[in-house]
């Protein structure tokens, strides 16, 4: 060990090809590697129906089931924004027509 300390400055350090470690390209191997996806938990929020604080995925799922609700599908919310006013007006018109018909039927008797 002392010989190494004495001749340290005399050693010729090289980066010759045979001395270097082989560089391996792993990028082609990554495409078929699988990894787990870990989804974070939901932040607590207030249920718009009951006002109860919902904390986490499990409580969120149970709360949806309890009230007969579901999560919007992809693109569904945009469709509601685009066609929502027409659908609301059509359902209101149908309800008004039904009420008018019922009242008219009572008057005719």
C-alpha atoms as a PDB file:
ATOM      1  CA  UNK A   1       0.000   0.000   0.000  1.00  0.00           C
ATOM      2  CA  UNK A   2       2.870   2.371   0.672  1.00  0.00           C
ATOM      3  CA  UNK A   3       4.248   1.770  -2.833  1.00  0.00           C
ATOM      4  CA  UNK A   4       1.013   3.095  -4.269  1.00  0.00           C
ATOM      5  CA  UNK A   5       1.249   6.253  -2.180  1.00  0.00           C
ATOM      6  CA  UNK A   6       4.838   6.807  -3.308  1.00  0.00           C
ATOM      7  CA  UNK A   7       4.272   6.385  -7.050  1.00  0.00           C
ATOM      8  CA  UNK A   8       0.793   7.918  -7.379  1.00  0.00           C
ATOM      9  CA  UNK A   9       2.035  10.859  -9.441  1.00  0.00           C
ATOM     10  CA  UNK A  10       3.962   8.530 -11.773  1.00  0.00           C
ATOM     11  CA  UNK A  11       0.878   6.543 -12.781  1.00  0.00           C
ATOM     12  CA  UNK A  12      -0.306   7.338 -16.304  1.00  0.00           C
ATOM     13  CA  UNK A  13      -4.072   7.500 -16.201  1.00  0.00           C
ATOM     14  CA  UNK A  14      -5.716   6.727 -19.512  1.00  0.00           C
ATOM     15  CA  UNK A  15      -9.114   6.639 -21.045  1.00  0.00           C
ATOM     16  CA  UNK A  16      -8.207   4.051 -23.628  1.00  0.00           C
ATOM     17  CA  UNK A  17     -11.166   2.269 -25.240  1.00  0.00           C
ATOM     18  CA  UNK A  18     -10.395  -1.015 -23.502  1.00  0.00           C
ATOM     19  CA  UNK A  19     -10.291   0.783 -20.148  1.00  0.00           C
ATOM     20  CA  UNK A  20     -13.688   2.497 -20.572  1.00  0.00           C
ATOM     21  CA  UNK A  21     -16.885   0.762 -19.583  1.00  0.00           C
ATOM     22  CA  UNK A  22     -19.110  -0.098 -22.465  1.00  0.00           C
ATOM     23  CA  UNK A  23     -21.916   2.410 -22.833  1.00  0.00           C
ATOM     24  CA  UNK A  24     -25.243   0.639 -23.162  1.00  0.00           C
ATOM     25  CA  UNK A  25     -28.245   2.220 -24.859  1.00  0.00           C
ATOM     26  CA  UNK A  26     -31.296   1.314 -22.788  1.00  0.00           C
ATOM     27  CA  UNK A  27     -33.767   3.506 -24.692  1.00  0.00           C
ATOM     28  CA  UNK A  28     -34.900   0.660 -26.946  1.00  0.00           C
ATOM     29  CA  UNK A  29     -35.499  -1.550 -23.914  1.00  0.00           C
ATOM     30  CA  UNK A  30     -37.680   0.984 -22.120  1.00  0.00           C
ATOM     31  CA  UNK A  31     -40.606   0.589 -24.461  1.00  0.00           C
ATOM     32  CA  UNK A  32     -41.542  -2.840 -23.145  1.00  0.00           C
ATOM     33  CA  UNK A  33     -40.851  -2.196 -19.489  1.00  0.00           C
ATOM     34  CA  UNK A  34     -43.925  -1.850 -17.339  1.00  0.00           C
ATOM     35  CA  UNK A  35     -44.270   0.248 -14.252  1.00  0.00           C
ATOM     36  CA  UNK A  36     -47.035   0.753 -11.746  1.00  0.00           C
ATOM     37  CA  UNK A  37     -49.127   3.894 -11.872  1.00  0.00           C
ATOM     38  CA  UNK A  38     -49.812   5.358  -8.473  1.00  0.00           C
ATOM     39  CA  UNK A  39     -52.678   7.813  -8.408  1.00  0.00           C
ATOM     40  CA  UNK A  40     -52.792  10.259  -5.553  1.00  0.00           C
ATOM     41  CA  UNK A  41     -55.780  10.513  -3.250  1.00  0.00           C
ATOM     42  CA  UNK A  42     -58.441  13.195  -3.717  1.00  0.00           C
ATOM     43  CA  UNK A  43     -58.198  16.339  -1.652  1.00  0.00           C
ATOM     44  CA  UNK A  44     -61.080  16.815   0.787  1.00  0.00           C
ATOM     45  CA  UNK A  45     -64.052  18.662  -0.676  1.00  0.00           C
ATOM     46  CA  UNK A  46     -67.582  19.554   0.384  1.00  0.00           C
ATOM     47  CA  UNK A  47     -70.387  17.464  -1.095  1.00  0.00           C
ATOM     48  CA  UNK A  48     -72.663  19.858  -3.000  1.00  0.00           C
ATOM     49  CA  UNK A  49     -75.740  17.799  -2.050  1.00  0.00           C
ATOM     50  CA  UNK A  50     -75.278  17.291   1.709  1.00  0.00           C
ATOM     51  CA  UNK A  51     -72.467  19.678   2.643  1.00  0.00           C
ATOM     52  CA  UNK A  52     -70.543  16.767   4.204  1.00  0.00           C
ATOM     53  CA  UNK A  53     -66.750  16.779   3.813  1.00  0.00           C
ATOM     54  CA  UNK A  54     -65.635  13.986   1.455  1.00  0.00           C
ATOM     55  CA  UNK A  55     -62.042  12.893   2.024  1.00  0.00           C
ATOM     56  CA  UNK A  56     -60.416  10.460  -0.386  1.00  0.00           C
ATOM     57  CA  UNK A  57     -61.288   8.207  -3.293  1.00  0.00           C
ATOM     58  CA  UNK A  58     -63.258   5.642  -1.314  1.00  0.00           C
ATOM     59  CA  UNK A  59     -65.522   8.235   0.313  1.00  0.00           C
ATOM     60  CA  UNK A  60     -65.926   9.941  -3.082  1.00  0.00           C
ATOM     61  CA  UNK A  61     -67.026   6.666  -4.721  1.00  0.00           C
ATOM     62  CA  UNK A  62     -69.396   5.840  -1.822  1.00  0.00           C
ATOM     63  CA  UNK A  63     -70.887   9.344  -1.909  1.00  0.00           C
ATOM     64  CA  UNK A  64     -71.549   9.099  -5.646  1.00  0.00           C
ATOM     65  CA  UNK A  65     -73.286   5.736  -5.181  1.00  0.00           C
ATOM     66  CA  UNK A  66     -75.315   7.024  -2.235  1.00  0.00           C
ATOM     67  CA  UNK A  67     -76.791   9.887  -4.253  1.00  0.00           C
ATOM     68  CA  UNK A  68     -77.104   8.047  -7.576  1.00  0.00           C
ATOM     69  CA  UNK A  69     -74.466  10.205  -9.236  1.00  0.00           C
ATOM     70  CA  UNK A  70     -71.620   9.373 -11.583  1.00  0.00           C
ATOM     71  CA  UNK A  71     -68.463  10.951 -12.971  1.00  0.00           C
ATOM     72  CA  UNK A  72     -68.841  12.736 -16.305  1.00  0.00           C
ATOM     73  CA  UNK A  73     -67.388  10.912 -19.279  1.00  0.00           C
ATOM     74  CA  UNK A  74     -64.694  12.591 -21.363  1.00  0.00           C
ATOM     75  CA  UNK A  75     -66.261  15.308 -23.523  1.00  0.00           C
ATOM     76  CA  UNK A  76     -69.612  15.107 -21.759  1.00  0.00           C
ATOM     77  CA  UNK A  77     -69.156  18.349 -19.855  1.00  0.00           C
ATOM     78  CA  UNK A  78     -68.314  20.227 -23.058  1.00  0.00           C
ATOM     79  CA  UNK A  79     -71.470  18.789 -24.643  1.00  0.00           C
ATOM     80  CA  UNK A  80     -73.549  19.997 -21.700  1.00  0.00           C
ATOM     81  CA  UNK A  81     -72.059  23.478 -22.005  1.00  0.00           C
ATOM     82  CA  UNK A  82     -72.751  23.510 -25.748  1.00  0.00           C
ATOM     83  CA  UNK A  83     -76.258  22.003 -25.748  1.00  0.00           C
ATOM     84  CA  UNK A  84     -77.326  22.560 -22.153  1.00  0.00           C
ATOM     85  CA  UNK A  85     -79.408  25.686 -22.724  1.00  0.00           C
ATOM     86  CA  UNK A  86     -81.349  24.066 -25.582  1.00  0.00           C
ATOM     87  CA  UNK A  87     -82.051  20.946 -23.495  1.00  0.00           C
ATOM     88  CA  UNK A  88     -83.174  22.990 -20.474  1.00  0.00           C
ATOM     89  CA  UNK A  89     -85.486  25.139 -22.585  1.00  0.00           C
ATOM     90  CA  UNK A  90     -86.927  22.063 -24.321  1.00  0.00           C
ATOM     91  CA  UNK A  91     -87.664  20.351 -20.996  1.00  0.00           C
ATOM     92  CA  UNK A  92     -89.236  23.557 -19.617  1.00  0.00           C
ATOM     93  CA  UNK A  93     -91.404  23.890 -22.714  1.00  0.00           C
ATOM     94  CA  UNK A  94     -92.531  20.265 -22.346  1.00  0.00           C
ATOM     95  CA  UNK A  95     -93.368  20.815 -18.664  1.00  0.00           C
ATOM     96  CA  UNK A  96     -95.323  23.992 -19.445  1.00  0.00           C
ATOM     97  CA  UNK A  97     -97.230  22.254 -22.251  1.00  0.00           C
ATOM     98  CA  UNK A  98     -98.097  19.388 -19.933  1.00  0.00           C
ATOM     99  CA  UNK A  99     -99.340  21.795 -17.231  1.00  0.00           C
ATOM    100  CA  UNK A 100    -101.377  23.798 -19.728  1.00  0.00           C
ATOM    101  CA  UNK A 101    -102.963  20.627 -21.118  1.00  0.00           C
ATOM    102  CA  UNK A 102    -103.840  19.449 -17.591  1.00  0.00           C
ATOM    103  CA  UNK A 103    -105.405  22.792 -16.690  1.00  0.00           C
ATOM    104  CA  UNK A 104    -107.288  22.959 -20.004  1.00  0.00           C
ATOM    105  CA  UNK A 105    -108.640  19.457 -19.415  1.00  0.00           C
ATOM    106  CA  UNK A 106    -109.900  20.496 -15.947  1.00  0.00           C
ATOM    107  CA  UNK A 107    -111.589  23.610 -17.346  1.00  0.00           C
ATOM    108  CA  UNK A 108    -113.406  21.625 -20.047  1.00  0.00           C
ATOM    109  CA  UNK A 109    -115.043  19.400 -17.434  1.00  0.00           C
END
